[in-house]
């Protein structure tokens, strides 16, 4: 039952996101962040560019903290990060390191119907001690 409800909810969300904003046949791409587009944004430099921007804090190392930080990253039509949101953090300063690091990234912009658009992407960042 719950699985079907989620599927229905996703259909509603995607129809709302891709709905027409102004006149029939005219979609307002500038005021909203899409969650699914034909070409999703891609970090310039790949995953290595993300890894180069985040690091373990001394407090997290001392406390032997490991795990994933789940983030939402809001990327504009130029490929710049407008903002980030931590959905599930680890604390010990790691949340701030991830947020600040992601803000410094540059992306190849997302595209929908041939136009660069704003896109919201989820990026998990894994912390594991060697």
Protein backbone atom coordinates (compact mmCIF):
# COMPACT_ATOMS: atom_id res chain seq x y z
CA UNK A 1 0.00 0.00 0.00
CA UNK A 2 2.75 2.46 1.00
CA UNK A 3 4.74 1.66 -2.16
CA UNK A 4 1.76 2.55 -4.35
CA UNK A 5 1.16 5.77 -2.43
CA UNK A 6 4.77 6.85 -3.02
CA UNK A 7 4.45 6.10 -6.74
CA UNK A 8 1.28 8.18 -6.92
CA UNK A 9 2.96 10.99 -4.98
CA UNK A 10 5.92 10.99 -7.39
CA UNK A 11 3.55 11.26 -10.35
CA UNK A 12 1.84 14.24 -8.73
CA UNK A 13 5.18 15.89 -7.91
CA UNK A 14 6.59 15.45 -11.39
CA UNK A 15 3.43 16.73 -13.05
CA UNK A 16 3.55 19.76 -10.75
CA UNK A 17 7.21 20.39 -11.50
CA UNK A 18 6.76 20.13 -15.25
CA UNK A 19 3.41 21.92 -15.32
CA UNK A 20 2.97 25.07 -17.32
CA UNK A 21 3.56 28.20 -15.29
CA UNK A 22 2.22 31.09 -17.35
CA UNK A 23 0.40 30.79 -20.67
CA UNK A 24 -0.49 27.52 -22.37
CA UNK A 25 2.58 26.27 -24.19
CA UNK A 26 4.96 28.53 -22.21
CA UNK A 27 6.93 27.07 -19.33
CA UNK A 28 8.72 29.24 -16.77
CA UNK A 29 12.15 27.63 -16.39
CA UNK A 30 13.71 30.51 -14.47
CA UNK A 31 11.80 30.41 -11.19
CA UNK A 32 11.93 26.78 -10.11
CA UNK A 33 14.42 24.01 -9.52
CA UNK A 34 13.68 20.82 -11.43
CA UNK A 35 14.32 17.43 -9.84
CA UNK A 36 14.42 15.47 -13.09
CA UNK A 37 15.57 16.81 -16.44
CA UNK A 38 16.71 15.35 -19.74
CA UNK A 39 20.38 16.05 -18.92
CA UNK A 40 21.25 16.18 -15.22
CA UNK A 41 24.05 18.49 -14.01
CA UNK A 42 27.48 16.91 -13.80
CA UNK A 43 30.30 18.18 -11.58
CA UNK A 44 33.22 19.47 -13.62
CA UNK A 45 36.07 17.16 -12.70
CA UNK A 46 33.71 14.35 -11.68
CA UNK A 47 33.54 12.77 -8.24
CA UNK A 48 37.20 13.64 -7.65
CA UNK A 49 36.28 17.33 -7.61
CA UNK A 50 33.82 16.67 -4.78
CA UNK A 51 36.33 14.59 -2.83
CA UNK A 52 38.96 17.30 -3.18
CA UNK A 53 36.65 19.85 -1.52
CA UNK A 54 35.77 17.85 1.63
CA UNK A 55 37.99 16.64 4.44
CA UNK A 56 37.82 15.11 7.90
CA UNK A 57 37.78 17.56 10.77
CA UNK A 58 40.07 16.88 13.73
CA UNK A 59 37.04 16.41 16.01
CA UNK A 60 35.52 13.80 13.68
CA UNK A 61 38.80 11.91 13.39
CA UNK A 62 39.31 11.93 17.15
CA UNK A 63 35.75 10.63 17.69
CA UNK A 64 36.21 8.07 14.84
CA UNK A 65 33.04 9.25 13.07
CA UNK A 66 32.10 7.43 9.87
CA UNK A 67 28.98 7.55 7.71
CA UNK A 68 27.14 9.43 4.98
CA UNK A 69 26.01 13.01 4.85
CA UNK A 70 22.96 13.42 2.61
CA UNK A 71 22.67 16.79 0.88
CA UNK A 72 20.49 18.65 -1.58
CA UNK A 73 22.41 20.90 -3.93
CA UNK A 74 20.63 23.66 -5.87
CA UNK A 75 22.40 24.31 -9.18
CA UNK A 76 21.48 27.27 -11.37
CA UNK A 77 21.35 27.42 -15.15
CA UNK A 78 25.01 28.59 -15.30
CA UNK A 79 26.25 25.53 -13.39
CA UNK A 80 26.96 27.42 -10.17
CA UNK A 81 25.73 26.16 -6.79
CA UNK A 82 23.16 28.57 -5.37
CA UNK A 83 22.72 26.78 -2.04
CA UNK A 84 22.97 23.48 -0.24
CA UNK A 85 20.85 21.79 2.39
CA UNK A 86 21.97 19.03 4.73
CA UNK A 87 19.24 16.40 4.94
CA UNK A 88 21.08 14.05 7.31
CA UNK A 89 24.38 15.03 8.84
CA UNK A 90 27.05 13.55 11.07
CA UNK A 91 28.03 16.56 13.14
CA UNK A 92 31.58 17.18 14.42
CA UNK A 93 31.99 19.96 11.84
CA UNK A 94 31.62 17.58 8.88
CA UNK A 95 28.24 19.02 7.84
CA UNK A 96 29.76 22.48 7.48
CA UNK A 97 32.79 21.12 5.59
CA UNK A 98 30.50 19.35 3.11
CA UNK A 99 28.19 22.34 2.68
CA UNK A 100 31.11 24.74 2.13
CA UNK A 101 32.87 22.31 -0.21
CA UNK A 102 29.79 21.77 -2.35
CA UNK A 103 29.25 25.53 -2.62
CA UNK A 104 32.68 25.78 -4.33
CA UNK A 105 31.83 23.23 -7.04
CA UNK A 106 31.12 24.10 -10.66
CA UNK A 107 28.75 21.92 -12.70
CA UNK A 108 27.92 21.39 -16.33
CA UNK A 109 24.36 22.81 -16.20
CA UNK A 110 21.30 20.61 -16.40
CA UNK A 111 19.26 20.82 -19.60
CA UNK A 112 15.61 20.35 -20.34
CA UNK A 113 14.14 20.71 -23.83
CA UNK A 114 17.43 22.16 -25.06
CA UNK A 115 17.62 24.91 -22.44
CA UNK A 116 19.83 25.24 -19.38
CA UNK A 117 17.64 25.01 -16.25
CA UNK A 118 17.95 25.13 -12.48
CA UNK A 119 18.17 21.66 -10.97
CA UNK A 120 18.07 20.24 -7.46
CA UNK A 121 20.28 17.17 -7.02
CA UNK A 122 20.93 14.89 -4.09
CA UNK A 123 24.59 14.22 -3.34
CA UNK A 124 25.62 11.77 -0.62
CA UNK A 125 29.12 12.30 0.79
CA UNK A 126 30.75 9.29 2.48
CA UNK A 127 33.24 9.61 5.33
CA UNK A 128 35.28 6.48 6.10
CA UNK A 129 38.44 6.23 8.15
CA UNK A 130 41.25 4.12 6.69
